[in-house]
């Protein structure tokens, strides 16, 4: 009996050590990818000028004039610290957890979002990126590990293109792979292409150019059938503050089925800081 108990104890220790090593490797992968994204930041980017947007649709010009002060260095890699709520449930029962997260955002190359969420004694932590989704319960038990496939990559691309519109407007200035078109008096559409991916995002602005919503068709399996398909996704934006010459929203509520009665804002973020450091 003592030998059996000893065997079970040793097995438990081995399993725990294996889980700790795997968690450590996840952290290492996060740090390496964040460093790669940070390295894409230009040390001396061009300053913003109205000449750059002179050929854009009027709502798009209004958007950039509101969000970027003339002369602002056009850093495209944003580092965002946020708190808020993350819903693990449904519209009827949101099951919100208190959330804190840091994000490296480098459109069109990728992003890494590292978060911790708690409710009472329960804690969920992990990271999301263009290559993976990895979440852990109590920092030890893997509860979600997915990604590294075309569906995940396409879905993630939609997320971080829309977030670039929200928090990194310099990354969506017109260029060879960024195209703007007119949708309405207060709405313009940006289409970003990268490698084999393409994503369009609609942005609605007020009379001053302040963005109020972003919306797009996202490739996702967030449906009862868990089948990947295009579905409406979007966010409401508010509480603008200035960060190094960029005027950006500090309160964002986002979710699936945007614009329908099924809309559920599972992601509610309050930004604490946004930085655009050089390399």
Protein backbone atom coordinates (compact mmCIF):
# COMPACT_ATOMS: atom_id res chain seq x y z
CA UNK A 1 0.00 0.00 0.00
CA UNK A 2 2.79 2.42 0.89
CA UNK A 3 4.47 1.67 -2.43
CA UNK A 4 1.19 2.35 -4.29
CA UNK A 5 0.65 5.65 -2.45
CA UNK A 6 4.22 6.63 -3.23
CA UNK A 7 3.67 5.82 -6.90
CA UNK A 8 0.48 7.93 -7.03
CA UNK A 9 2.22 10.82 -5.26
CA UNK A 10 5.15 10.66 -7.70
CA UNK A 11 2.76 10.56 -10.65
CA UNK A 12 0.91 13.64 -9.39
CA UNK A 13 4.20 15.51 -8.98
CA UNK A 14 5.28 14.58 -12.51
CA UNK A 15 1.96 15.74 -13.97
CA UNK A 16 2.13 19.03 -12.05
CA UNK A 17 5.68 19.65 -13.19
CA UNK A 18 4.72 18.89 -16.79
CA UNK A 19 1.84 21.36 -16.59
CA UNK A 20 4.09 24.02 -15.08
CA UNK A 21 6.64 23.51 -17.85
CA UNK A 22 3.93 23.77 -20.48
CA UNK A 23 2.60 26.97 -18.90
CA UNK A 24 6.11 28.37 -18.84
CA UNK A 25 6.53 27.58 -22.54
CA UNK A 26 3.31 29.47 -23.26
CA UNK A 27 4.66 32.54 -21.46
CA UNK A 28 7.91 32.23 -23.42
CA UNK A 29 6.02 32.05 -26.72
CA UNK A 30 4.05 35.15 -25.73
CA UNK A 31 7.21 37.12 -24.93
CA UNK A 32 8.94 36.08 -28.14
CA UNK A 33 5.98 37.02 -30.33
CA UNK A 34 5.52 40.35 -28.54
CA UNK A 35 9.22 41.11 -29.12
CA UNK A 36 8.81 40.26 -32.81
CA UNK A 37 5.85 42.61 -33.12
CA UNK A 38 7.65 45.37 -31.24
CA UNK A 39 10.57 45.08 -33.66
CA UNK A 40 8.23 46.14 -36.49
CA UNK A 41 7.90 49.61 -34.98
CA UNK A 42 9.74 52.22 -37.01
CA UNK A 43 12.12 54.34 -34.93
CA UNK A 44 11.51 57.50 -36.98
CA UNK A 45 8.16 57.27 -38.76
CA UNK A 46 6.85 60.02 -40.99
CA UNK A 47 4.73 62.71 -39.32
CA UNK A 48 1.02 62.86 -40.10
CA UNK A 49 -0.12 65.44 -42.62
CA UNK A 50 -3.50 66.16 -44.19
CA UNK A 51 -1.95 65.54 -47.61
CA UNK A 52 -1.89 61.82 -46.76
CA UNK A 53 -5.70 61.66 -46.63
CA UNK A 54 -6.67 64.19 -49.28
CA UNK A 55 -8.09 61.54 -51.67
CA UNK A 56 -10.08 59.61 -49.06
CA UNK A 57 -13.89 59.63 -48.73
CA UNK A 58 -15.05 62.52 -46.56
CA UNK A 59 -16.01 60.40 -43.48
CA UNK A 60 -12.56 58.76 -43.58
CA UNK A 61 -10.85 62.16 -43.76
CA UNK A 62 -12.97 63.28 -40.81
CA UNK A 63 -11.93 60.15 -38.90
CA UNK A 64 -8.20 60.69 -39.39
CA UNK A 65 -8.41 64.42 -38.67
CA UNK A 66 -10.08 63.63 -35.36
CA UNK A 67 -7.82 60.72 -34.37
CA UNK A 68 -4.37 61.99 -35.40
CA UNK A 69 -2.98 65.44 -34.72
CA UNK A 70 -0.93 66.97 -37.56
CA UNK A 71 2.78 66.30 -37.06
CA UNK A 72 2.22 63.19 -34.95
CA UNK A 73 4.86 60.47 -35.62
CA UNK A 74 2.95 57.67 -37.30
CA UNK A 75 3.80 54.77 -35.00
CA UNK A 76 1.81 51.71 -36.01
CA UNK A 77 2.59 49.26 -33.18
CA UNK A 78 0.46 49.91 -30.10
CA UNK A 79 0.92 48.55 -26.58
CA UNK A 80 -2.37 48.65 -24.67
CA UNK A 81 -3.13 48.08 -20.99
CA UNK A 82 -6.78 47.53 -20.13
CA UNK A 83 -9.20 46.36 -17.47
CA UNK A 84 -12.87 45.49 -17.77
CA UNK A 85 -15.16 42.50 -18.07
CA UNK A 86 -15.02 39.34 -20.16
CA UNK A 87 -18.24 37.39 -20.67
CA UNK A 88 -18.03 33.61 -20.63
CA UNK A 89 -21.76 33.04 -21.02
CA UNK A 90 -24.67 34.20 -23.14
CA UNK A 91 -26.78 37.33 -23.58
CA UNK A 92 -29.32 35.93 -21.10
CA UNK A 93 -26.59 34.98 -18.63
CA UNK A 94 -23.36 36.89 -19.43
CA UNK A 95 -21.28 35.26 -16.69
CA UNK A 96 -18.86 38.21 -16.64
CA UNK A 97 -15.40 37.87 -15.12
CA UNK A 98 -13.31 40.80 -13.97
CA UNK A 99 -10.55 41.18 -16.56
CA UNK A 100 -7.10 42.78 -16.81
CA UNK A 101 -5.01 42.49 -19.96
CA UNK A 102 -2.05 43.75 -21.96
CA UNK A 103 -1.95 43.74 -25.73
CA UNK A 104 0.66 44.22 -28.42
CA UNK A 105 -1.08 45.26 -31.64
CA UNK A 106 0.82 45.42 -34.93
CA UNK A 107 -1.54 45.41 -37.90
CA UNK A 108 -1.23 43.77 -40.39
CA UNK A 109 1.41 41.45 -38.90
CA UNK A 110 -0.46 40.26 -35.79
CA UNK A 111 -1.18 40.77 -32.12
CA UNK A 112 -0.82 39.17 -28.69
CA UNK A 113 -3.46 39.69 -26.00
CA UNK A 114 -2.51 38.42 -22.52
CA UNK A 115 -5.25 38.46 -19.92
CA UNK A 116 -6.18 37.43 -16.40
CA UNK A 117 -9.84 37.15 -15.42
CA UNK A 118 -11.29 36.41 -12.01
CA UNK A 119 -14.60 35.87 -10.26
CA UNK A 120 -14.39 35.00 -6.61
CA UNK A 121 -11.75 32.30 -6.23
CA UNK A 122 -11.84 31.30 -9.88
CA UNK A 123 -9.07 32.58 -12.18
CA UNK A 124 -8.71 32.20 -15.93
CA UNK A 125 -5.54 33.38 -17.65
CA UNK A 126 -3.81 32.98 -20.97
CA UNK A 127 -3.29 34.62 -24.33
CA UNK A 128 -4.81 35.07 -27.75
CA UNK A 129 -2.93 35.73 -30.99
CA UNK A 130 -3.10 35.22 -34.73
CA UNK A 131 -1.56 31.77 -34.22
CA UNK A 132 -3.12 30.48 -31.02
CA UNK A 133 -5.71 30.73 -28.25
CA UNK A 134 -4.43 29.31 -24.95
CA UNK A 135 -6.29 29.67 -21.66
CA UNK A 136 -5.67 28.12 -18.28
CA UNK A 137 -7.82 27.62 -15.19
CA UNK A 138 -6.11 28.61 -11.92
CA UNK A 139 -2.88 29.00 -13.90
CA UNK A 140 -2.44 25.24 -14.02
CA UNK A 141 -5.20 23.42 -15.92
CA UNK A 142 -5.46 23.97 -19.71
CA UNK A 143 -9.10 24.69 -20.61
CA UNK A 144 -8.69 25.96 -24.19
CA UNK A 145 -5.91 25.28 -26.69
CA UNK A 146 -6.66 25.96 -30.31
CA UNK A 147 -5.36 27.74 -33.37
CA UNK A 148 -2.53 27.31 -35.88
CA UNK A 149 -5.03 26.70 -38.69
CA UNK A 150 -6.56 28.78 -41.51
CA UNK A 151 -9.90 29.31 -39.74
CA UNK A 152 -8.25 30.67 -36.60
CA UNK A 153 -5.90 32.88 -38.61
CA UNK A 154 -8.76 34.36 -40.65
CA UNK A 155 -10.86 35.00 -37.55
CA UNK A 156 -7.95 36.62 -35.72
CA UNK A 157 -7.20 38.84 -38.73
CA UNK A 158 -10.69 40.30 -38.49
CA UNK A 159 -10.18 41.03 -34.82
CA UNK A 160 -6.90 42.86 -35.07
CA UNK A 161 -7.73 44.82 -38.22
CA UNK A 162 -10.80 46.19 -36.42
CA UNK A 163 -8.72 46.91 -33.31
CA UNK A 164 -6.17 48.76 -35.45
CA UNK A 165 -9.00 51.05 -36.56
CA UNK A 166 -9.82 51.57 -32.89
CA UNK A 167 -6.38 51.88 -31.28
CA UNK A 168 -3.77 52.16 -34.03
CA UNK A 169 -5.16 54.43 -36.78
CA UNK A 170 -1.73 55.03 -38.35
CA UNK A 171 -1.77 51.35 -39.39
CA UNK A 172 -4.85 51.90 -41.57
CA UNK A 173 -3.75 55.01 -43.43
CA UNK A 174 -4.15 54.54 -47.21
CA UNK A 175 -1.46 52.51 -48.91
CA UNK A 176 -0.85 49.61 -51.32
CA UNK A 177 -2.71 47.14 -49.07
CA UNK A 178 -5.15 49.55 -47.38
CA UNK A 179 -8.13 50.86 -49.35
CA UNK A 180 -10.95 53.18 -48.19
CA UNK A 181 -14.41 53.42 -49.78
CA UNK A 182 -17.51 55.49 -49.04
CA UNK A 183 -20.49 53.76 -47.41
CA UNK A 184 -22.63 56.69 -46.26
CA UNK A 185 -22.55 60.31 -45.10
CA UNK A 186 -20.97 59.27 -41.79
CA UNK A 187 -19.57 55.86 -42.64
CA UNK A 188 -16.51 54.64 -44.52
CA UNK A 189 -15.06 51.16 -45.11
CA UNK A 190 -11.42 50.23 -44.84
CA UNK A 191 -10.16 47.04 -46.49
CA UNK A 192 -6.82 45.63 -45.37
CA UNK A 193 -4.96 42.91 -47.27
CA UNK A 194 -2.04 40.89 -45.95
CA UNK A 195 -0.64 37.72 -47.49
CA UNK A 196 -3.73 35.75 -48.54
CA UNK A 197 -6.04 37.49 -46.04
CA UNK A 198 -8.49 40.33 -46.65
CA UNK A 199 -10.75 42.09 -44.13
CA UNK A 200 -13.15 45.01 -44.50
CA UNK A 201 -14.26 47.08 -41.50
CA UNK A 202 -16.93 49.80 -41.47
CA UNK A 203 -16.42 52.78 -39.21
CA UNK A 204 -19.16 55.26 -38.32
CA UNK A 205 -18.17 58.75 -37.15
CA UNK A 206 -20.03 61.73 -35.73
CA UNK A 207 -19.95 65.23 -37.18
CA UNK A 208 -16.56 65.89 -35.55
CA UNK A 209 -15.04 62.67 -36.92
CA UNK A 210 -15.20 60.87 -33.58
CA UNK A 211 -15.68 57.14 -34.23
CA UNK A 212 -18.80 55.80 -32.56
CA UNK A 213 -18.90 52.21 -33.88
CA UNK A 214 -16.88 49.74 -35.88
CA UNK A 215 -18.53 46.73 -37.50
CA UNK A 216 -17.61 43.95 -39.91
CA UNK A 217 -18.36 40.43 -41.02
CA UNK A 218 -16.11 38.17 -38.96
CA UNK A 219 -15.13 34.59 -39.75
CA UNK A 220 -16.08 32.80 -36.53
CA UNK A 221 -17.54 29.64 -35.01
CA UNK A 222 -19.34 31.54 -32.24
CA UNK A 223 -22.69 29.95 -33.02
CA UNK A 224 -24.69 26.99 -31.68
CA UNK A 225 -23.38 24.74 -34.45
CA UNK A 226 -19.75 25.73 -33.74
CA UNK A 227 -19.32 26.05 -37.50
CA UNK A 228 -17.05 28.67 -39.01
CA UNK A 229 -18.98 31.22 -41.05
CA UNK A 230 -19.24 34.97 -41.57
CA UNK A 231 -21.23 36.70 -38.81
CA UNK A 232 -21.72 40.35 -37.83
CA UNK A 233 -19.33 41.59 -35.17
CA UNK A 234 -18.82 45.09 -33.87
CA UNK A 235 -18.14 47.50 -31.05
CA UNK A 236 -19.33 50.75 -29.51
CA UNK A 237 -16.56 53.28 -28.80
CA UNK A 238 -16.51 56.13 -26.26
CA UNK A 239 -14.50 58.11 -23.67
CA UNK A 240 -11.74 59.50 -25.89
CA UNK A 241 -8.34 60.54 -24.58
CA UNK A 242 -5.06 61.64 -26.19
CA UNK A 243 -2.03 59.34 -26.36
CA UNK A 244 1.12 60.73 -27.98
CA UNK A 245 -0.81 62.68 -30.58
CA UNK A 246 -3.50 60.04 -31.15
CA UNK A 247 -7.05 60.60 -29.87
CA UNK A 248 -8.41 57.14 -29.06
CA UNK A 249 -11.37 55.52 -27.26
CA UNK A 250 -10.80 54.26 -23.73
CA UNK A 251 -14.12 52.43 -23.41
CA UNK A 252 -15.00 49.67 -25.88
CA UNK A 253 -17.92 47.23 -25.79
CA UNK A 254 -17.72 44.51 -28.44
CA UNK A 255 -19.51 41.32 -29.32
CA UNK A 256 -21.03 38.97 -31.86
CA UNK A 257 -24.27 39.55 -33.79
CA UNK A 258 -23.66 43.30 -33.78
CA UNK A 259 -26.66 45.26 -35.02
CA UNK A 260 -29.14 42.49 -34.19
CA UNK A 261 -31.29 41.67 -31.16
CA UNK A 262 -28.84 38.83 -30.40
CA UNK A 263 -25.92 41.21 -29.80
CA UNK A 264 -24.02 40.33 -26.62
CA UNK A 265 -21.04 42.50 -25.58
CA UNK A 266 -18.80 39.79 -24.13
CA UNK A 267 -15.76 42.11 -24.28
CA UNK A 268 -15.98 45.32 -22.23
CA UNK A 269 -12.67 47.14 -21.94
CA UNK A 270 -11.52 50.27 -20.14
CA UNK A 271 -8.12 51.35 -21.41
CA UNK A 272 -5.58 52.47 -18.81
CA UNK A 273 -2.74 53.32 -21.18
CA UNK A 274 -1.70 53.15 -24.83
CA UNK A 275 1.95 53.52 -25.77
CA UNK A 276 3.73 53.74 -29.12
CA UNK A 277 7.40 53.31 -28.18
CA UNK A 278 10.11 52.97 -30.82
CA UNK A 279 12.28 49.81 -30.93
